[in-house]
Amino acid sequence: MKRLTIILLCIVTAIAAFARPPKLIVENLFDGRFNNNKSVSISIYKNNGNYYRGITVNNNPGIIKKIADAIEQDKPRASNYSEHQGNDGQYTSLQIINNGEIIYIGLQRDRHGGGFFFIQGKEKAFK
């Protein structure tokens, strides 16, 4: 009986840990710090169970570096990671699984200190 109780406790703990919010570093980029910056445009959408947030940056390498640093901190949690560099710039993407759903994160950097960053997934992945 004691053994069964321990096994059940382990299962409940594992389920609770699996259902935790992802607490990604990149999510902190949407805390309002860029709201009054004219080189930044922010988009947030919720539609049909999907959640999307994006940041477009024009000619501001400092902000692009902050975004790239946040992605680098979340990289160890990624189940899939890729980086590509070409003549038109650099693209970084990663996928993080949370609550059985995939969170897609991407950053496209151009050569002029601008870029586009997004985080997207099912709402369930962020709960």
Protein backbone atom coordinates (compact mmCIF):
# COMPACT_ATOMS: atom_id res chain seq x y z
CA MET A 1 0.00 0.00 0.00
CA LYS A 2 2.82 2.37 0.87
CA ARG A 3 4.49 1.61 -2.46
CA LEU A 4 1.26 2.36 -4.37
CA THR A 5 0.89 5.68 -2.56
CA ILE A 6 4.44 6.69 -3.49
CA ILE A 7 3.87 5.73 -7.13
CA LEU A 8 0.63 7.74 -7.28
CA LEU A 9 2.32 10.73 -5.66
CA CYS A 10 5.10 10.57 -8.26
CA ILE A 11 2.57 10.45 -11.10
CA VAL A 12 0.61 13.43 -9.74
CA THR A 13 3.84 15.41 -9.29
CA ALA A 14 4.95 14.62 -12.84
CA ILE A 15 1.59 15.72 -14.26
CA ALA A 16 1.67 18.95 -12.28
CA ALA A 17 5.21 19.70 -13.46
CA PHE A 18 4.22 18.96 -17.06
CA ALA A 19 1.32 21.43 -16.88
CA ARG A 20 3.32 24.43 -15.64
CA PRO A 21 3.52 27.66 -17.67
CA PRO A 22 6.65 27.78 -19.83
CA LYS A 23 8.11 30.93 -18.16
CA LEU A 24 10.28 31.72 -21.18
CA ILE A 25 12.80 34.56 -21.09
CA VAL A 26 11.54 35.76 -24.50
CA GLU A 27 8.07 36.33 -23.02
CA ASN A 28 9.56 39.09 -20.86
CA LEU A 29 10.24 41.10 -24.04
CA PHE A 30 6.51 41.95 -24.07
CA ASP A 31 6.57 43.62 -20.65
CA GLY A 32 6.10 47.13 -22.10
CA ARG A 33 9.74 48.19 -22.24
CA PHE A 34 9.52 48.89 -26.01
CA ASN A 35 6.02 50.46 -26.07
CA ASN A 36 7.25 54.05 -26.54
CA ASN A 37 10.15 53.24 -28.85
CA LYS A 38 9.50 54.55 -32.38
CA SER A 39 11.74 51.92 -33.96
CA VAL A 40 9.55 49.10 -32.58
CA SER A 41 6.12 47.80 -33.58
CA ILE A 42 4.43 45.15 -31.40
CA SER A 43 1.61 42.79 -32.41
CA ILE A 44 -0.35 40.46 -30.12
CA TYR A 45 -3.18 38.22 -31.35
CA LYS A 46 -5.37 35.53 -29.82
CA ASN A 47 -7.63 33.71 -32.24
CA ASN A 48 -9.26 30.26 -32.25
CA GLY A 49 -7.03 28.89 -29.49
CA ASN A 50 -3.83 30.25 -31.06
CA TYR A 51 -1.59 32.85 -29.49
CA TYR A 52 0.84 35.04 -31.44
CA ARG A 53 3.15 37.88 -30.41
CA GLY A 54 5.56 39.69 -32.68
CA ILE A 55 8.04 42.54 -32.54
CA THR A 56 9.26 44.36 -35.65
CA VAL A 57 12.41 46.44 -35.15
CA ASN A 58 13.71 49.05 -37.58
CA ASN A 59 17.36 50.09 -37.45
CA ASN A 60 17.99 49.42 -33.76
CA PRO A 61 20.75 46.81 -33.26
CA GLY A 62 20.60 47.21 -29.46
CA ILE A 63 17.05 45.87 -29.30
CA ILE A 64 17.87 43.08 -31.76
CA LYS A 65 20.74 42.07 -29.47
CA LYS A 66 18.39 41.97 -26.44
CA ILE A 67 16.00 39.72 -28.35
CA ALA A 68 18.85 37.45 -29.55
CA ASP A 69 20.20 37.22 -25.97
CA ALA A 70 16.75 36.20 -24.65
CA ILE A 71 16.47 33.51 -27.33
CA GLU A 72 19.95 32.26 -26.41
CA GLN A 73 18.84 31.90 -22.76
CA ASP A 74 15.78 29.86 -23.80
CA LYS A 75 17.76 27.72 -26.25
CA PRO A 76 18.59 24.93 -23.73
CA ARG A 77 14.84 24.21 -23.38
CA ALA A 78 14.36 23.80 -27.14
CA SER A 79 13.46 20.46 -28.63
CA ASN A 80 14.50 21.78 -32.04
CA TYR A 81 16.89 24.63 -32.90
CA SER A 82 18.19 26.02 -36.18
CA GLU A 83 20.22 28.97 -37.32
CA HIS A 84 20.85 30.13 -40.87
CA GLN A 85 23.01 32.95 -42.14
CA GLY A 86 22.82 34.22 -45.69
CA ASN A 87 23.45 37.32 -47.77
CA ASP A 88 20.21 38.92 -46.62
CA GLY A 89 20.76 38.39 -42.87
CA GLN A 90 20.39 35.76 -40.21
CA TYR A 91 17.46 33.60 -39.09
CA THR A 92 17.17 31.78 -35.77
CA SER A 93 14.31 29.47 -34.83
CA LEU A 94 13.50 27.14 -31.99
CA GLN A 95 10.65 25.00 -30.81
CA ILE A 96 9.82 24.44 -27.16
CA ILE A 97 7.27 21.85 -26.04
CA ASN A 98 5.02 22.73 -23.11
CA ASN A 99 1.72 21.09 -22.07
CA GLY A 100 2.06 18.76 -25.05
CA GLU A 101 2.03 21.69 -27.51
CA ILE A 102 4.81 23.36 -29.49
CA ILE A 103 5.81 26.98 -28.97
CA TYR A 104 7.49 28.39 -32.08
CA ILE A 105 10.04 31.17 -31.63
CA GLY A 106 11.86 32.93 -34.45
CA LEU A 107 14.09 35.92 -35.13
CA GLN A 108 14.99 37.25 -38.56
CA ARG A 109 17.80 39.82 -38.46
CA ASP A 110 18.71 42.05 -41.38
CA ARG A 111 22.05 43.72 -42.07
CA HIS A 112 20.77 47.18 -41.08
CA GLY A 113 20.16 46.51 -37.38
CA GLY A 114 16.52 45.61 -37.82
CA GLY A 115 14.53 42.45 -37.74
CA PHE A 116 11.39 40.58 -36.89
CA PHE A 117 10.82 38.42 -33.81
CA PHE A 118 7.82 36.20 -33.03
CA ILE A 119 6.54 33.69 -30.51
CA GLN A 120 3.52 31.59 -31.48
CA GLY A 121 1.62 28.51 -30.38
CA LYS A 122 -1.63 27.11 -29.07
CA GLU A 123 -2.91 28.95 -25.99
CA LYS A 124 -2.64 25.67 -24.07
CA ALA A 125 1.17 25.81 -24.51
CA PHE A 126 1.35 29.05 -22.52
CA LYS A 127 -0.75 27.91 -19.54
